[in-house]
Amino acid sequence: MFNKKKSLQKAFELIAIFIDKCNLSETEKCNLKGLLMNIRSRMEAA
């Protein structure tokens, strides 16, 4: 269970880094990161 949780955390970190590197406006980046955080919090609650 711990490895799965750690793996998911690493995946979310990589996605956040990818969002930062994308050629998007700051508003779009903020929206995507907000969506990512919503998904992350819902997965932790489940």
PDB file of N, CA and C in Angstrom:
ATOM      1  N   MET A   1       0.829  -1.200   0.000  1.00  0.00           N
ATOM      2  CA  MET A   1       0.000   0.000   0.000  1.00  0.00           C
ATOM      3  C   MET A   1       0.866   1.254   0.000  1.00  0.00           C
ATOM      4  N   PHE A   2       1.941   1.227   0.793  1.00  0.00           N
ATOM      5  CA  PHE A   2       2.821   2.393   0.875  1.00  0.00           C
ATOM      6  C   PHE A   2       3.476   2.676  -0.470  1.00  0.00           C
ATOM      7  N   ASN A   3       3.918   1.621  -1.179  1.00  0.00           N
ATOM      8  CA  ASN A   3       4.554   1.816  -2.480  1.00  0.00           C
ATOM      9  C   ASN A   3       3.588   2.423  -3.487  1.00  0.00           C
ATOM     10  N   LYS A   4       2.332   1.997  -3.440  1.00  0.00           N
ATOM     11  CA  LYS A   4       1.329   2.537  -4.356  1.00  0.00           C
ATOM     12  C   LYS A   4       1.105   4.020  -4.077  1.00  0.00           C
ATOM     13  N   LYS A   5       1.014   4.379  -2.810  1.00  0.00           N
ATOM     14  CA  LYS A   5       0.796   5.777  -2.437  1.00  0.00           C
ATOM     15  C   LYS A   5       1.995   6.631  -2.844  1.00  0.00           C
ATOM     16  N   LYS A   6       3.192   6.115  -2.632  1.00  0.00           N
ATOM     17  CA  LYS A   6       4.403   6.845  -2.997  1.00  0.00           C
ATOM     18  C   LYS A   6       4.506   6.987  -4.513  1.00  0.00           C
ATOM     19  N   SER A   7       4.120   5.954  -5.232  1.00  0.00           N
ATOM     20  CA  SER A   7       4.142   5.986  -6.692  1.00  0.00           C
ATOM     21  C   SER A   7       3.165   7.027  -7.231  1.00  0.00           C
ATOM     22  N   LEU A   8       1.972   7.088  -6.642  1.00  0.00           N
ATOM     23  CA  LEU A   8       0.984   8.084  -7.059  1.00  0.00           C
ATOM     24  C   LEU A   8       1.469   9.497  -6.763  1.00  0.00           C
ATOM     25  N   GLN A   9       2.103   9.680  -5.616  1.00  0.00           N
ATOM     26  CA  GLN A   9       2.627  10.995  -5.253  1.00  0.00           C
ATOM     27  C   GLN A   9       3.685  11.436  -6.258  1.00  0.00           C
ATOM     28  N   LYS A  10       4.557  10.517  -6.652  1.00  0.00           N
ATOM     29  CA  LYS A  10       5.603  10.822  -7.632  1.00  0.00           C
ATOM     30  C   LYS A  10       4.970  11.170  -8.985  1.00  0.00           C
ATOM     31  N   ALA A  11       3.924  10.458  -9.361  1.00  0.00           N
ATOM     32  CA  ALA A  11       3.241  10.727 -10.624  1.00  0.00           C
ATOM     33  C   ALA A  11       2.631  12.128 -10.629  1.00  0.00           C
ATOM     34  N   PHE A  12       2.006  12.523  -9.524  1.00  0.00           N
ATOM     35  CA  PHE A  12       1.427  13.865  -9.443  1.00  0.00           C
ATOM     36  C   PHE A  12       2.508  14.935  -9.514  1.00  0.00           C
ATOM     37  N   GLU A  13       3.651  14.676  -8.899  1.00  0.00           N
ATOM     38  CA  GLU A  13       4.758  15.632  -8.959  1.00  0.00           C
ATOM     39  C   GLU A  13       5.270  15.779 -10.391  1.00  0.00           C
ATOM     40  N   LEU A  14       5.381  14.663 -11.110  1.00  0.00           N
ATOM     41  CA  LEU A  14       5.840  14.710 -12.500  1.00  0.00           C
ATOM     42  C   LEU A  14       4.849  15.450 -13.395  1.00  0.00           C
ATOM     43  N   ILE A  15       3.572  15.227 -13.167  1.00  0.00           N
ATOM     44  CA  ILE A  15       2.551  15.936 -13.945  1.00  0.00           C
ATOM     45  C   ILE A  15       2.633  17.435 -13.679  1.00  0.00           C
ATOM     46  N   ALA A  16       2.828  17.825 -12.427  1.00  0.00           N
ATOM     47  CA  ALA A  16       2.945  19.243 -12.082  1.00  0.00           C
ATOM     48  C   ALA A  16       4.164  19.868 -12.762  1.00  0.00           C
ATOM     49  N   ILE A  17       5.274  19.146 -12.800  1.00  0.00           N
ATOM     50  CA  ILE A  17       6.472  19.648 -13.484  1.00  0.00           C
ATOM     51  C   ILE A  17       6.198  19.803 -14.972  1.00  0.00           C
ATOM     52  N   PHE A  18       5.517  18.820 -15.565  1.00  0.00           N
ATOM     53  CA  PHE A  18       5.180  18.883 -16.985  1.00  0.00           C
ATOM     54  C   PHE A  18       4.293  20.090 -17.281  1.00  0.00           C
ATOM     55  N   ILE A  19       3.330  20.358 -16.406  1.00  0.00           N
ATOM     56  CA  ILE A  19       2.452  21.519 -16.582  1.00  0.00           C
ATOM     57  C   ILE A  19       3.277  22.802 -16.565  1.00  0.00           C
ATOM     58  N   ASP A  20       4.241  22.886 -15.650  1.00  0.00           N
ATOM     59  CA  ASP A  20       5.098  24.075 -15.566  1.00  0.00           C
ATOM     60  C   ASP A  20       5.890  24.302 -16.849  1.00  0.00           C
ATOM     61  N   LYS A  21       6.331  23.220 -17.479  1.00  0.00           N
ATOM     62  CA  LYS A  21       7.178  23.328 -18.669  1.00  0.00           C
ATOM     63  C   LYS A  21       6.382  23.559 -19.953  1.00  0.00           C
ATOM     64  N   CYS A  22       5.083  23.330 -19.914  1.00  0.00           N
ATOM     65  CA  CYS A  22       4.250  23.503 -21.110  1.00  0.00           C
ATOM     66  C   CYS A  22       4.167  24.968 -21.516  1.00  0.00           C
ATOM     67  N   ASN A  23       3.933  25.169 -22.786  1.00  0.00           N
ATOM     68  CA  ASN A  23       3.794  26.513 -23.334  1.00  0.00           C
ATOM     69  C   ASN A  23       2.335  26.957 -23.185  1.00  0.00           C
ATOM     70  N   LEU A  24       1.965  27.274 -21.948  1.00  0.00           N
ATOM     71  CA  LEU A  24       0.601  27.696 -21.635  1.00  0.00           C
ATOM     72  C   LEU A  24       0.642  29.014 -20.884  1.00  0.00           C
ATOM     73  N   SER A  25      -0.483  29.700 -20.878  1.00  0.00           N
ATOM     74  CA  SER A  25      -0.562  30.934 -20.095  1.00  0.00           C
ATOM     75  C   SER A  25      -0.575  30.576 -18.607  1.00  0.00           C
ATOM     76  N   GLU A  26      -0.257  31.551 -17.787  1.00  0.00           N
ATOM     77  CA  GLU A  26      -0.237  31.317 -16.338  1.00  0.00           C
ATOM     78  C   GLU A  26      -1.619  30.923 -15.823  1.00  0.00           C
ATOM     79  N   THR A  27      -2.657  31.490 -16.421  1.00  0.00           N
ATOM     80  CA  THR A  27      -4.024  31.150 -16.015  1.00  0.00           C
ATOM     81  C   THR A  27      -4.320  29.685 -16.310  1.00  0.00           C
ATOM     82  N   GLU A  28      -3.926  29.225 -17.500  1.00  0.00           N
ATOM     83  CA  GLU A  28      -4.157  27.827 -17.857  1.00  0.00           C
ATOM     84  C   GLU A  28      -3.367  26.890 -16.949  1.00  0.00           C
ATOM     85  N   LYS A  29      -2.126  27.266 -16.650  1.00  0.00           N
ATOM     86  CA  LYS A  29      -1.309  26.451 -15.748  1.00  0.00           C
ATOM     87  C   LYS A  29      -1.954  26.369 -14.370  1.00  0.00           C
ATOM     88  N   CYS A  30      -2.436  27.492 -13.894  1.00  0.00           N
ATOM     89  CA  CYS A  30      -3.082  27.537 -12.579  1.00  0.00           C
ATOM     90  C   CYS A  30      -4.335  26.661 -12.568  1.00  0.00           C
ATOM     91  N   ASN A  31      -5.115  26.723 -13.637  1.00  0.00           N
ATOM     92  CA  ASN A  31      -6.328  25.907 -13.730  1.00  0.00           C
ATOM     93  C   ASN A  31      -5.997  24.416 -13.751  1.00  0.00           C
ATOM     94  N   LEU A  32      -4.980  24.043 -14.519  1.00  0.00           N
ATOM     95  CA  LEU A  32      -4.595  22.639 -14.590  1.00  0.00           C
ATOM     96  C   LEU A  32      -4.057  22.135 -13.257  1.00  0.00           C
ATOM     97  N   LYS A  33      -3.273  22.957 -12.582  1.00  0.00           N
ATOM     98  CA  LYS A  33      -2.744  22.545 -11.279  1.00  0.00           C
ATOM     99  C   LYS A  33      -3.867  22.433 -10.249  1.00  0.00           C
ATOM    100  N   GLY A  34      -4.854  23.316 -10.336  1.00  0.00           N
ATOM    101  CA  GLY A  34      -6.011  23.225  -9.448  1.00  0.00           C
ATOM    102  C   GLY A  34      -6.781  21.938  -9.676  1.00  0.00           C
ATOM    103  N   LEU A  35      -6.962  21.587 -10.942  1.00  0.00           N
ATOM    104  CA  LEU A  35      -7.636  20.336 -11.283  1.00  0.00           C
ATOM    105  C   LEU A  35      -6.840  19.143 -10.760  1.00  0.00           C
ATOM    106  N   LEU A  36      -5.535  19.198 -10.934  1.00  0.00           N
ATOM    107  CA  LEU A  36      -4.666  18.132 -10.444  1.00  0.00           C
ATOM    108  C   LEU A  36      -4.781  17.979  -8.927  1.00  0.00           C
ATOM    109  N   MET A  37      -4.816  19.089  -8.218  1.00  0.00           N
ATOM    110  CA  MET A  37      -4.930  19.038  -6.761  1.00  0.00           C
ATOM    111  C   MET A  37      -6.294  18.489  -6.335  1.00  0.00           C
ATOM    112  N   ASN A  38      -7.352  18.825  -7.076  1.00  0.00           N
ATOM    113  CA  ASN A  38      -8.682  18.281  -6.776  1.00  0.00           C
ATOM    114  C   ASN A  38      -8.695  16.765  -6.932  1.00  0.00           C
ATOM    115  N   ILE A  39      -8.095  16.287  -8.009  1.00  0.00           N
ATOM    116  CA  ILE A  39      -8.030  14.841  -8.243  1.00  0.00           C
ATOM    117  C   ILE A  39      -7.236  14.172  -7.134  1.00  0.00           C
ATOM    118  N   ARG A  40      -6.129  14.774  -6.788  1.00  0.00           N
ATOM    119  CA  ARG A  40      -5.262  14.215  -5.748  1.00  0.00           C
ATOM    120  C   ARG A  40      -5.996  14.120  -4.405  1.00  0.00           C
ATOM    121  N   SER A  41      -6.690  15.178  -4.034  1.00  0.00           N
ATOM    122  CA  SER A  41      -7.393  15.166  -2.748  1.00  0.00           C
ATOM    123  C   SER A  41      -8.541  14.163  -2.747  1.00  0.00           C
ATOM    124  N   ARG A  42      -9.212  13.998  -3.875  1.00  0.00           N
ATOM    125  CA  ARG A  42     -10.305  13.019  -3.948  1.00  0.00           C
ATOM    126  C   ARG A  42      -9.779  11.596  -3.868  1.00  0.00           C
ATOM    127  N   MET A  43      -8.601  11.362  -4.460  1.00  0.00           N
ATOM    128  CA  MET A  43      -8.011  10.024  -4.393  1.00  0.00           C
ATOM    129  C   MET A  43      -7.565   9.699  -2.971  1.00  0.00           C
ATOM    130  N   GLU A  44      -7.061  10.691  -2.249  1.00  0.00           N
ATOM    131  CA  GLU A  44      -6.626  10.466  -0.872  1.00  0.00           C
ATOM    132  C   GLU A  44      -7.820  10.220   0.042  1.00  0.00           C
ATOM    133  N   ALA A  45      -8.951  10.852  -0.259  1.00  0.00           N
ATOM    134  CA  ALA A  45     -10.146  10.693   0.567  1.00  0.00           C
ATOM    135  C   ALA A  45     -10.806   9.334   0.343  1.00  0.00           C
ATOM    136  N   ALA A  46     -10.598   8.771  -0.837  1.00  0.00           N
ATOM    137  CA  ALA A  46     -11.252   7.493  -1.169  1.00  0.00           C
ATOM    138  C   ALA A  46     -10.574   6.308  -0.525  1.00  0.00           C
TER     139      ALA A  46
END
